[in-house]
Amino acid sequence: MNPLLYTDGYKVDHRRQYPEGTTLVYSNWTPRKSRIEGIENVVFFGLQYFIKKYMIEDFNTNFFNQPKAEICKRYSRRINNYLGPNQVGIDHIEALHDLGYLPMVIKALPEGVQVPIRVPMVTMYNTKPEFFWLTNYFETLLSTTLWMPCNSATIAKEYRTILDKYALETSSVPEFVDWQGHDFSMRGMAGLEAAVMSSAAHLLSFTGTDTIPTIDFLEDYYNANSDTELIGGSVAATEHSVMCMGTNLGEQETFKRLITEVYANGIVSIVSDTWDLWKVLTEYLPNLKNEVLARDGKVVIRPDSGDPVDIICGHPNGTSTEEKKGVIELLWEIFGGTTNAKGYKELDAHIGAIYGDSITLDRATQICERLKQKGFASTNVVLGIGSFTYQYNTRDTFGFAMKATYGEVNGEGREIYKDPITDDGTKKSAKGLIKIEKQNGVYQLIDQVSWEEENQGELKEVYRDGKLLIDESLTEIRKRIKS
């Protein structure tokens, strides 16, 4: 598809709506409001992919390198069929094709940084006067590409903060947090691109993922190399169909075959609540204790149903002793372990647990806190973070919007802004040209600046006139997000 059609329908004729003599439109992309309690900073991620994939790859392949006559014919057909009789025209499309590149500047903060609400992450403007219409034409594509990775990177960072806190308080292996948050979201996301981009954002803070194509994504667009660095990984694991095929009556034998034959060593995760989780924990695993302890590796028990907090930590009002104790305490009673220097129990290295259904930030906190109260290290359990976390969000989660704040008409600059009287202040935009300064380590917005001031500050050119100017690596972004 012609990438000029990657836009909202009302954009195609804004060119004629601007004042006569318009030569420049300058816009910014900003998170305007947080709808997640306690989060007032948003992690910036995804722009490099947007530039490489759409502004360079797609425009070169599907626009500039295609015959102009064919491009214009197809564009006209689509717009005419879509709008009916109109005067959108084709001259501006022909002129852009003749130019051979997108005459735009994109300036941005570094990917991986945390940006306060209401501070712009990106600014964008045209470099040739006749293409002023391009700036906000890109709003739709920029927004639909960037809001999800920014959301997911921010939420993953929040998980990381929670898990780091409790690991430092209770665990002898705080570095295990790299693996403690595991991406299970792929099947529940809104398509493959959403799954891959969200998982890439997750991998800024963790190393565990079941979304295999995100490895290629990060190699292709973020200069990662799985031969020389750990981008993301996982372990052998079962699913319910495997356990069902072994039958209810043969479940213990299925466990035994998996841990002694199929995976005689290494880590294997076994879904354990296909029928009766408590029977697995009080009958099958005690019967297989010697086999588990004889392995060179870890057997990971995976419950998959119920309230994650109560299943892992125990339900104080449970109807049985097993429910009251929960998975970690029951595993401790079978396999034991050690009490670390901080005074918290850590399961024997041959056994562990993972829970990967309906995990939220609040539940992650509750799990860690209740384990701590029971005297267990938080790192006794891995949390599978899925689409219940990453898909239950929208562009409005952090109020992302791209708005024009400056323009030039007949050679004169105009500081423009929006401030709806019926709004609560969320939609009030900056005004004029923008500069971002870093004060005491925090990004701050200064608007209504001169071009000289706009050229200073923390926003750096990452794209100009068809060329990517800054090409960062996953390693650099990971260092930035953890600093």
Protein backbone atom coordinates (compact mmCIF):
# COMPACT_ATOMS: atom_id res chain seq x y z
CA MET A 1 0.00 0.00 0.00
CA ASN A 2 1.07 3.56 -0.66
CA PRO A 3 2.16 4.69 2.85
CA LEU A 4 0.59 8.10 2.27
CA LEU A 5 -2.66 6.24 2.84
CA TYR A 6 -1.58 5.21 6.35
CA THR A 7 -3.59 8.08 7.80
CA ASP A 8 -7.00 9.19 9.02
CA GLY A 9 -9.32 10.16 6.19
CA TYR A 10 -9.72 13.76 7.27
CA LYS A 11 -5.96 14.37 6.91
CA VAL A 12 -5.83 14.10 3.13
CA ASP A 13 -7.24 17.58 2.47
CA HIS A 14 -5.85 19.58 5.39
CA ARG A 15 -3.27 20.95 2.94
CA ARG A 16 -5.93 23.24 1.44
CA GLN A 17 -7.38 24.18 4.82
CA TYR A 18 -4.30 25.86 6.26
CA PRO A 19 -4.06 29.64 5.68
CA GLU A 20 -2.86 30.76 2.28
CA GLY A 21 0.89 31.23 2.44
CA THR A 22 1.55 28.55 5.08
CA THR A 23 5.12 27.25 4.73
CA LEU A 24 5.88 25.46 8.00
CA VAL A 25 4.04 23.37 10.58
CA TYR A 26 5.82 22.40 13.80
CA SER A 27 4.26 19.79 16.08
CA ASN A 28 5.07 17.75 19.15
CA TRP A 29 4.04 14.37 20.53
CA THR A 30 3.36 14.33 24.26
CA PRO A 31 1.91 12.17 27.04
CA ARG A 32 -0.67 14.48 28.60
CA LYS A 33 -2.19 12.51 31.47
CA SER A 34 -1.60 9.31 33.45
CA ARG A 35 -4.54 7.05 34.14
CA ILE A 36 -2.42 4.60 36.18
CA GLU A 37 -2.20 5.66 39.79
CA GLY A 38 1.34 6.36 40.92
CA ILE A 39 2.88 6.60 37.45
CA GLU A 40 3.79 10.14 36.47
CA ASN A 41 6.68 9.35 34.11
CA VAL A 42 6.41 7.55 30.77
CA VAL A 43 9.22 5.54 29.17
CA PHE A 44 9.91 6.65 25.60
CA PHE A 45 10.37 3.79 23.12
CA GLY A 46 9.57 2.86 19.53
CA LEU A 47 10.57 5.89 17.45
CA GLN A 48 13.59 4.26 15.81
CA TYR A 49 11.37 1.44 14.58
CA PHE A 50 8.82 3.95 13.30
CA ILE A 51 11.47 5.84 11.32
CA LYS A 52 13.22 2.77 9.91
CA LYS A 53 10.08 0.80 9.10
CA TYR A 54 7.72 3.46 7.84
CA MET A 55 9.54 6.67 6.97
CA ILE A 56 12.43 4.89 5.27
CA GLU A 57 11.59 1.28 4.33
CA ASP A 58 7.93 1.65 3.44
CA PHE A 59 8.22 5.02 1.73
CA ASN A 60 11.22 3.93 -0.32
CA THR A 61 9.76 0.56 -1.29
CA ASN A 62 6.11 1.46 -1.77
CA PHE A 63 6.26 5.09 -2.80
CA PHE A 64 9.50 6.62 -4.06
CA ASN A 65 10.70 3.46 -5.85
CA GLN A 66 7.35 2.87 -7.54
CA PRO A 67 6.44 4.47 -10.90
CA LYS A 68 4.98 7.90 -10.27
CA ALA A 69 2.10 7.34 -12.68
CA GLU A 70 1.07 4.16 -10.90
CA ILE A 71 1.36 5.79 -7.47
CA CYS A 72 -0.79 8.73 -8.53
CA LYS A 73 -3.33 6.54 -10.30
CA ARG A 74 -3.83 4.37 -7.24
CA TYR A 75 -3.88 7.34 -4.86
CA SER A 76 -6.52 9.10 -6.96
CA ARG A 77 -8.64 5.98 -7.19
CA ARG A 78 -8.59 5.46 -3.46
CA ILE A 79 -9.33 9.07 -2.49
CA ASN A 80 -11.99 9.53 -5.15
CA ASN A 81 -13.77 6.33 -4.20
CA TYR A 82 -13.43 7.21 -0.53
CA LEU A 83 -14.53 10.86 -0.55
CA GLY A 84 -16.62 11.02 -3.68
CA PRO A 85 -16.34 14.24 -5.72
CA ASN A 86 -13.48 16.23 -4.19
CA GLN A 87 -10.67 18.64 -4.96
CA VAL A 88 -7.85 17.00 -2.98
CA GLY A 89 -5.81 16.84 -6.14
CA ILE A 90 -2.65 14.98 -7.06
CA ASP A 91 -0.06 17.69 -7.70
CA HIS A 92 1.33 17.58 -4.16
CA ILE A 93 1.70 13.80 -4.38
CA GLU A 94 3.57 14.11 -7.67
CA ALA A 95 5.83 16.80 -6.22
CA LEU A 96 6.71 14.63 -3.24
CA HIS A 97 7.48 11.68 -5.49
CA ASP A 98 9.72 13.88 -7.63
CA LEU A 99 11.59 15.04 -4.51
CA GLY A 100 12.53 11.45 -3.66
CA TYR A 101 12.52 11.70 0.14
CA LEU A 102 10.41 12.91 3.03
CA PRO A 103 11.43 16.53 3.74
CA MET A 104 11.01 16.31 7.49
CA VAL A 105 12.97 16.80 10.70
CA ILE A 106 12.22 14.65 13.73
CA LYS A 107 13.80 15.59 17.03
CA ALA A 108 13.44 13.41 20.09
CA LEU A 109 14.63 12.57 23.56
CA PRO A 110 16.73 9.39 23.85
CA GLU A 111 14.75 6.17 23.79
CA GLY A 112 14.55 4.48 27.17
CA VAL A 113 14.39 7.67 29.25
CA GLN A 114 11.53 8.40 31.61
CA VAL A 115 9.62 11.51 30.60
CA PRO A 116 7.29 13.39 32.96
CA ILE A 117 3.65 13.78 31.98
CA ARG A 118 3.10 16.89 29.81
CA VAL A 119 6.70 16.96 28.58
CA PRO A 120 7.04 16.37 24.79
CA MET A 121 9.07 13.37 23.66
CA VAL A 122 9.16 14.22 19.95
CA THR A 123 8.95 17.29 17.74
CA MET A 124 8.46 17.22 13.98
CA TYR A 125 8.42 19.81 11.19
CA ASN A 126 8.88 20.13 7.43
CA THR A 127 12.13 21.31 5.80
CA LYS A 128 10.68 22.49 2.48
CA PRO A 129 7.91 25.11 2.48
CA GLU A 130 5.69 23.45 -0.08
CA PHE A 131 5.45 20.32 2.09
CA PHE A 132 4.11 21.98 5.23
CA TRP A 133 1.13 19.63 4.98
CA LEU A 134 3.27 16.58 5.77
CA THR A 135 3.88 17.34 9.45
CA ASN A 136 0.47 16.61 10.89
CA TYR A 137 -0.29 14.21 8.07
CA PHE A 138 2.02 11.87 10.00
CA GLU A 139 0.14 12.23 13.26
CA THR A 140 -1.98 9.13 12.74
CA LEU A 141 0.87 6.81 11.76
CA LEU A 142 3.18 8.13 14.47
CA SER A 143 0.53 7.78 17.15
CA THR A 144 -0.72 4.33 16.21
CA THR A 145 2.88 3.07 16.12
CA LEU A 146 4.27 4.65 19.29
CA TRP A 147 1.66 4.69 22.01
CA MET A 148 1.73 0.94 22.70
CA PRO A 149 5.51 0.46 23.03
CA CYS A 150 5.67 3.53 25.28
CA ASN A 151 2.81 2.15 27.39
CA SER A 152 4.35 -1.32 27.64
CA ALA A 153 7.85 -0.02 28.36
CA THR A 154 6.44 2.14 31.14
CA ILE A 155 4.44 -0.68 32.69
CA ALA A 156 7.35 -3.12 32.41
CA LYS A 157 9.56 -0.58 34.15
CA GLU A 158 7.00 -0.39 36.94
CA TYR A 159 7.05 -4.18 37.33
CA ARG A 160 10.82 -4.03 37.42
CA THR A 161 10.73 -1.39 40.16
CA ILE A 162 8.40 -3.52 42.30
CA LEU A 163 10.36 -6.74 41.82
CA ASP A 164 13.72 -5.02 42.40
CA LYS A 165 12.46 -3.51 45.64
CA TYR A 166 11.37 -6.82 47.12
CA ALA A 167 14.38 -8.74 45.81
CA LEU A 168 16.72 -6.26 47.50
CA GLU A 169 14.78 -6.67 50.73
CA THR A 170 14.34 -10.45 50.76
CA SER A 171 16.53 -12.27 48.23
CA SER A 172 20.17 -13.36 47.95
CA VAL A 173 19.90 -13.23 44.15
CA PRO A 174 18.46 -9.82 43.22
CA GLU A 175 19.92 -10.27 39.72
CA PHE A 176 17.30 -12.99 39.18
CA VAL A 177 14.78 -10.20 38.63
CA ASP A 178 16.05 -10.09 35.03
CA TRP A 179 14.06 -13.32 34.57
CA GLN A 180 11.34 -12.80 37.16
CA GLY A 181 9.06 -10.88 34.82
CA HIS A 182 8.34 -13.07 31.79
CA ASP A 183 6.37 -11.88 28.74
CA PHE A 184 3.41 -14.21 28.06
CA SER A 185 1.34 -11.69 26.11
CA MET A 186 1.67 -12.61 22.43
CA ARG A 187 -1.55 -14.57 21.89
CA GLY A 188 -3.66 -11.90 23.58
CA MET A 189 -2.35 -8.85 21.75
CA ALA A 190 -4.07 -6.96 18.92
CA GLY A 191 -2.11 -8.52 16.09
CA LEU A 192 1.48 -9.51 15.43
CA GLU A 193 2.98 -6.01 15.26
CA ALA A 194 1.41 -5.07 18.59
CA ALA A 195 2.67 -8.29 20.17
CA VAL A 196 6.21 -7.81 18.90
CA MET A 197 6.48 -4.12 19.79
CA SER A 198 5.02 -4.64 23.25
CA SER A 199 7.36 -7.54 23.91
CA ALA A 200 10.33 -5.47 22.74
CA ALA A 201 9.29 -2.83 25.25
CA HIS A 202 9.05 -5.51 27.95
CA LEU A 203 12.59 -6.62 27.12
CA LEU A 204 13.98 -3.22 27.98
CA SER A 205 13.46 -4.18 31.64
CA PHE A 206 13.57 -7.99 31.56
CA THR A 207 15.12 -10.86 29.59
CA GLY A 208 12.26 -13.38 29.63
CA THR A 209 9.81 -13.63 26.75
CA ASP A 210 7.81 -16.23 24.88
CA THR A 211 7.36 -13.87 21.93
CA ILE A 212 10.01 -15.28 19.60
CA PRO A 213 9.63 -12.75 16.73
CA THR A 214 10.56 -9.89 19.03
CA ILE A 215 14.15 -11.17 18.92
CA ASP A 216 14.28 -10.55 15.17
CA PHE A 217 12.52 -7.22 15.66
CA LEU A 218 15.24 -6.00 18.02
CA GLU A 219 17.98 -7.28 15.74
CA ASP A 220 16.44 -5.63 12.69
CA TYR A 221 15.52 -2.28 14.18
CA TYR A 222 17.60 -1.85 17.35
CA ASN A 223 21.02 -3.26 16.43
CA ALA A 224 20.79 -6.18 18.83
CA ASN A 225 22.72 -9.40 18.19
CA SER A 226 21.54 -12.65 19.73
CA ASP A 227 24.91 -14.25 18.98
CA THR A 228 26.74 -11.86 21.29
CA GLU A 229 24.10 -10.72 23.82
CA LEU A 230 21.03 -12.01 25.57
CA ILE A 231 18.09 -10.30 23.90
CA GLY A 232 15.43 -12.54 25.34
CA GLY A 233 15.01 -16.18 26.24
CA SER A 234 12.75 -18.81 27.75
CA VAL A 235 12.73 -22.40 28.96
CA ALA A 236 11.10 -25.69 28.00
CA ALA A 237 7.50 -25.72 29.16
CA THR A 238 4.33 -27.79 28.84
CA GLU A 239 0.75 -26.77 28.10
CA HIS A 240 -2.56 -28.25 29.13
CA SER A 241 -2.91 -30.34 25.95
CA VAL A 242 0.28 -32.18 26.88
CA MET A 243 -0.95 -32.94 30.37
CA CYS A 244 -4.43 -33.90 29.12
CA MET A 245 -2.97 -36.35 26.63
CA GLY A 246 -1.29 -38.11 29.52
CA THR A 247 -4.75 -38.43 31.12
CA ASN A 248 -5.89 -37.54 34.59
CA LEU A 249 -5.04 -40.96 35.98
CA GLY A 250 -1.59 -40.83 34.41
CA GLU A 251 -0.63 -37.30 35.52
CA GLN A 252 2.08 -38.43 37.95
CA GLU A 253 3.62 -40.58 35.25
CA THR A 254 3.54 -37.61 32.88
CA PHE A 255 5.47 -35.58 35.46
CA LYS A 256 7.97 -38.38 35.93
CA ARG A 257 8.54 -38.92 32.21
CA LEU A 258 9.06 -35.21 31.65
CA ILE A 259 11.61 -34.74 34.42
CA THR A 260 13.52 -38.00 34.03
CA GLU A 261 13.38 -38.73 30.30
CA VAL A 262 12.30 -35.82 28.12
CA TYR A 263 14.13 -33.20 30.23
CA ALA A 264 16.58 -35.15 32.36
CA ASN A 265 18.43 -31.92 33.09
CA GLY A 266 17.95 -28.18 32.71
CA ILE A 267 14.90 -26.10 33.48
CA VAL A 268 11.43 -27.38 32.65
CA SER A 269 8.16 -25.64 33.52
CA ILE A 270 5.17 -27.95 34.02
CA VAL A 271 1.59 -26.68 34.07
CA SER A 272 0.20 -28.24 37.21
CA ASP A 273 -3.47 -27.36 37.58
CA THR A 274 -5.01 -29.12 34.59
CA TRP A 275 -7.03 -30.99 37.21
CA ASP A 276 -5.99 -30.79 40.86
CA LEU A 277 -3.08 -28.50 41.76
CA TRP A 278 -3.23 -29.47 45.42
CA LYS A 279 -2.96 -33.17 44.58
CA VAL A 280 0.14 -32.42 42.51
CA LEU A 281 1.67 -30.57 45.45
CA THR A 282 0.73 -33.03 48.20
CA GLU A 283 0.92 -36.38 46.43
CA TYR A 284 2.75 -36.40 43.07
CA LEU A 285 5.68 -34.16 43.96
CA PRO A 286 6.38 -35.86 47.32
CA ASN A 287 6.40 -39.17 45.41
CA LEU A 288 8.84 -37.68 42.88
CA LYS A 289 11.02 -35.84 45.38
CA ASN A 290 14.10 -37.97 44.77
CA GLU A 291 13.80 -37.63 41.01
CA VAL A 292 13.48 -33.85 41.26
CA LEU A 293 16.46 -33.50 43.59
CA ALA A 294 18.59 -35.83 41.44
CA ARG A 295 18.24 -33.65 38.35
CA ASP A 296 20.84 -31.14 37.22
CA GLY A 297 18.32 -28.34 36.80
CA LYS A 298 15.07 -26.92 38.09
CA VAL A 299 11.50 -28.17 37.86
CA VAL A 300 9.14 -25.18 37.79
CA ILE A 301 5.55 -25.69 38.91
CA ARG A 302 3.04 -23.57 36.99
CA PRO A 303 -0.45 -22.99 38.37
CA ASP A 304 -2.70 -21.29 35.84
CA SER A 305 -6.11 -20.68 37.41
CA GLY A 306 -7.59 -18.83 40.34
CA ASP A 307 -6.46 -15.74 42.21
CA PRO A 308 -2.68 -15.57 41.69
CA VAL A 309 -2.02 -14.01 45.08
CA ASP A 310 -3.90 -16.65 47.01
CA ILE A 311 -2.64 -19.55 44.91
CA ILE A 312 1.01 -18.58 45.34
CA CYS A 313 0.93 -17.22 48.89
CA GLY A 314 -1.97 -19.09 50.44
CA HIS A 315 -5.55 -18.07 51.17
CA PRO A 316 -6.04 -17.20 54.85
CA ASN A 317 -9.67 -18.25 54.60
CA GLY A 318 -9.12 -21.26 52.39
CA THR A 319 -11.30 -24.32 52.76
CA SER A 320 -8.34 -26.72 53.03
CA THR A 321 -4.90 -26.75 54.60
CA GLU A 322 -3.34 -26.71 51.13
CA GLU A 323 -5.27 -23.62 50.07
CA LYS A 324 -4.27 -21.84 53.25
CA LYS A 325 -0.57 -22.61 52.72
CA GLY A 326 -0.28 -21.90 48.99
CA VAL A 327 2.22 -23.14 46.42
CA ILE A 328 5.47 -21.74 47.83
CA GLU A 329 4.91 -22.96 51.38
CA LEU A 330 3.89 -26.42 50.13
CA LEU A 331 7.01 -26.65 47.95
CA TRP A 332 9.11 -25.63 50.93
CA GLU A 333 7.59 -28.42 53.03
CA ILE A 334 8.51 -30.96 50.36
CA PHE A 335 11.91 -29.78 49.15
CA GLY A 336 13.14 -27.36 51.78
CA GLY A 337 15.86 -24.90 50.93
CA THR A 338 17.96 -22.31 52.74
CA THR A 339 17.41 -19.22 54.84
CA ASN A 340 19.48 -16.41 53.38
CA ALA A 341 21.49 -13.76 55.19
CA LYS A 342 18.48 -11.43 55.10
CA GLY A 343 16.44 -13.97 57.02
CA TYR A 344 14.15 -15.14 54.20
CA LYS A 345 13.59 -18.66 52.91
CA GLU A 346 14.70 -19.61 49.40
CA LEU A 347 13.50 -22.85 47.85
CA ASP A 348 15.99 -25.58 46.97
CA ALA A 349 17.52 -24.78 43.58
CA HIS A 350 15.89 -27.87 42.04
CA ILE A 351 12.35 -26.53 42.43
CA GLY A 352 10.50 -23.29 41.69
CA ALA A 353 7.20 -21.77 40.65
CA ILE A 354 5.77 -19.49 37.99
CA TYR A 355 2.31 -17.96 37.71
CA GLY A 356 1.29 -16.54 34.35
CA ASP A 357 -2.40 -15.71 34.36
CA SER A 358 -4.03 -12.33 35.14
CA ILE A 359 -0.97 -10.79 36.75
CA THR A 360 -1.24 -7.04 37.38
CA LEU A 361 1.00 -4.47 39.05
CA ASP A 362 -1.16 -4.62 42.15
CA ARG A 363 -1.11 -8.43 42.27
CA ALA A 364 2.66 -8.49 41.72
CA THR A 365 3.03 -6.21 44.74
CA GLN A 366 0.66 -8.30 46.84
CA ILE A 367 2.47 -11.53 45.94
CA CYS A 368 5.85 -10.11 46.91
CA GLU A 369 4.51 -8.53 50.10
CA ARG A 370 2.66 -11.61 51.29
CA LEU A 371 5.64 -13.85 50.58
CA LYS A 372 7.76 -11.44 52.60
CA GLN A 373 5.28 -11.53 55.49
CA LYS A 374 5.46 -15.34 55.44
CA GLY A 375 9.25 -15.23 55.52
CA PHE A 376 9.89 -16.16 51.89
CA ALA A 377 12.10 -14.37 49.37
CA SER A 378 10.21 -12.74 46.51
CA THR A 379 12.41 -14.50 43.94
CA ASN A 380 10.86 -17.88 44.77
CA VAL A 381 8.30 -17.17 42.05
CA VAL A 382 8.42 -15.94 38.46
CA LEU A 383 5.51 -13.87 37.16
CA GLY A 384 4.23 -14.39 33.64
CA ILE A 385 3.12 -10.95 32.46
CA GLY A 386 0.54 -11.26 29.72
CA SER A 387 -2.03 -9.38 27.69
CA PHE A 388 -4.06 -8.81 30.86
CA THR A 389 -1.31 -6.29 31.61
CA TYR A 390 -0.20 -5.12 28.18
CA GLN A 391 -3.42 -5.17 26.14
CA TYR A 392 -5.76 -3.53 28.67
CA ASN A 393 -4.45 -0.10 27.69
CA THR A 394 -5.15 2.55 25.08
CA ARG A 395 -3.62 5.73 23.71
CA ASP A 396 -5.49 7.46 26.53
CA THR A 397 -3.69 5.48 29.24
CA PHE A 398 -1.09 8.24 29.11
CA GLY A 399 -3.08 10.68 27.00
CA PHE A 400 -0.72 10.69 24.02
CA ALA A 401 -1.37 13.34 21.37
CA MET A 402 0.45 15.13 18.57
CA LYS A 403 -0.36 18.84 18.36
CA ALA A 404 0.92 21.73 16.26
CA THR A 405 2.30 24.60 18.36
CA TYR A 406 4.07 26.75 15.78
CA GLY A 407 3.72 27.64 12.13
CA GLU A 408 4.91 30.14 9.57
CA VAL A 409 2.58 32.00 7.20
CA ASN A 410 3.90 34.42 4.59
CA GLY A 411 7.28 34.41 6.30
CA GLU A 412 5.98 35.24 9.77
CA GLY A 413 6.02 32.89 12.74
CA ARG A 414 2.83 32.10 14.64
CA GLU A 415 2.80 30.66 18.13
CA ILE A 416 -0.30 28.50 18.21
CA TYR A 417 -1.95 26.36 20.88
CA LYS A 418 -5.19 24.71 21.97
CA ASP A 419 -6.91 25.17 25.32
CA PRO A 420 -10.56 24.02 25.22
CA ILE A 421 -12.71 25.86 27.74
CA THR A 422 -14.78 22.70 28.30
CA ASP A 423 -11.72 20.54 29.10
CA ASP A 424 -10.12 19.91 32.51
CA GLY A 425 -6.74 21.12 31.30
CA THR A 426 -5.54 17.79 29.95
CA LYS A 427 -5.80 18.93 26.34
CA LYS A 428 -4.12 22.28 26.83
CA SER A 429 -1.08 22.23 24.57
CA ALA A 430 2.30 23.88 24.72
CA LYS A 431 2.68 27.08 22.70
CA GLY A 432 5.23 28.01 20.04
CA LEU A 433 8.63 26.43 19.56
CA ILE A 434 9.78 23.99 22.21
CA LYS A 435 12.93 23.32 24.17
CA ILE A 436 13.42 20.49 26.67
CA GLU A 437 15.88 21.02 29.49
CA LYS A 438 17.13 18.59 32.09
CA GLN A 439 17.04 20.05 35.58
CA ASN A 440 18.19 17.89 38.51
CA GLY A 441 17.88 14.86 36.25
CA VAL A 442 14.27 15.61 35.28
CA TYR A 443 13.11 16.69 31.83
CA GLN A 444 11.24 19.99 31.78
CA LEU A 445 9.34 21.75 29.01
CA ILE A 446 10.08 25.32 28.01
CA ASP A 447 7.82 26.63 25.26
CA GLN A 448 7.59 29.90 23.34
CA VAL A 449 11.32 29.85 22.65
CA SER A 450 13.29 31.20 19.67
CA TRP A 451 14.70 29.04 16.89
CA GLU A 452 18.15 29.53 18.45
CA GLU A 453 16.89 28.16 21.76
CA GLU A 454 14.96 25.39 20.03
CA ASN A 455 18.23 24.17 18.54
CA GLN A 456 19.61 23.66 22.05
CA GLY A 457 18.41 21.43 24.85
CA GLU A 458 17.75 17.71 25.11
CA LEU A 459 15.76 17.14 21.92
CA LYS A 460 18.18 15.87 19.27
CA GLU A 461 17.68 15.39 15.54
CA VAL A 462 17.18 11.72 14.80
CA TYR A 463 15.85 12.10 11.25
CA ARG A 464 16.27 14.68 8.51
CA ASP A 465 15.32 14.56 4.85
CA GLY A 466 15.15 10.79 4.45
CA LYS A 467 18.15 9.95 6.65
CA LEU A 468 18.29 8.37 10.09
CA LEU A 469 20.83 10.36 12.09
CA ILE A 470 20.94 8.45 15.37
CA ASP A 471 20.90 4.65 15.28
CA GLU A 472 20.83 3.28 18.80
CA SER A 473 21.21 -0.24 20.14
CA LEU A 474 19.16 -2.29 22.54
CA THR A 475 22.16 -2.35 24.86
CA GLU A 476 22.30 1.45 25.03
CA ILE A 477 18.57 1.73 25.68
CA ARG A 478 18.64 -0.95 28.38
CA LYS A 479 21.45 0.89 30.17
CA ARG A 480 19.46 4.09 29.96
CA ILE A 481 16.25 2.62 31.34
CA LYS A 482 18.06 1.00 34.28
CA SER A 483 20.17 4.02 35.19
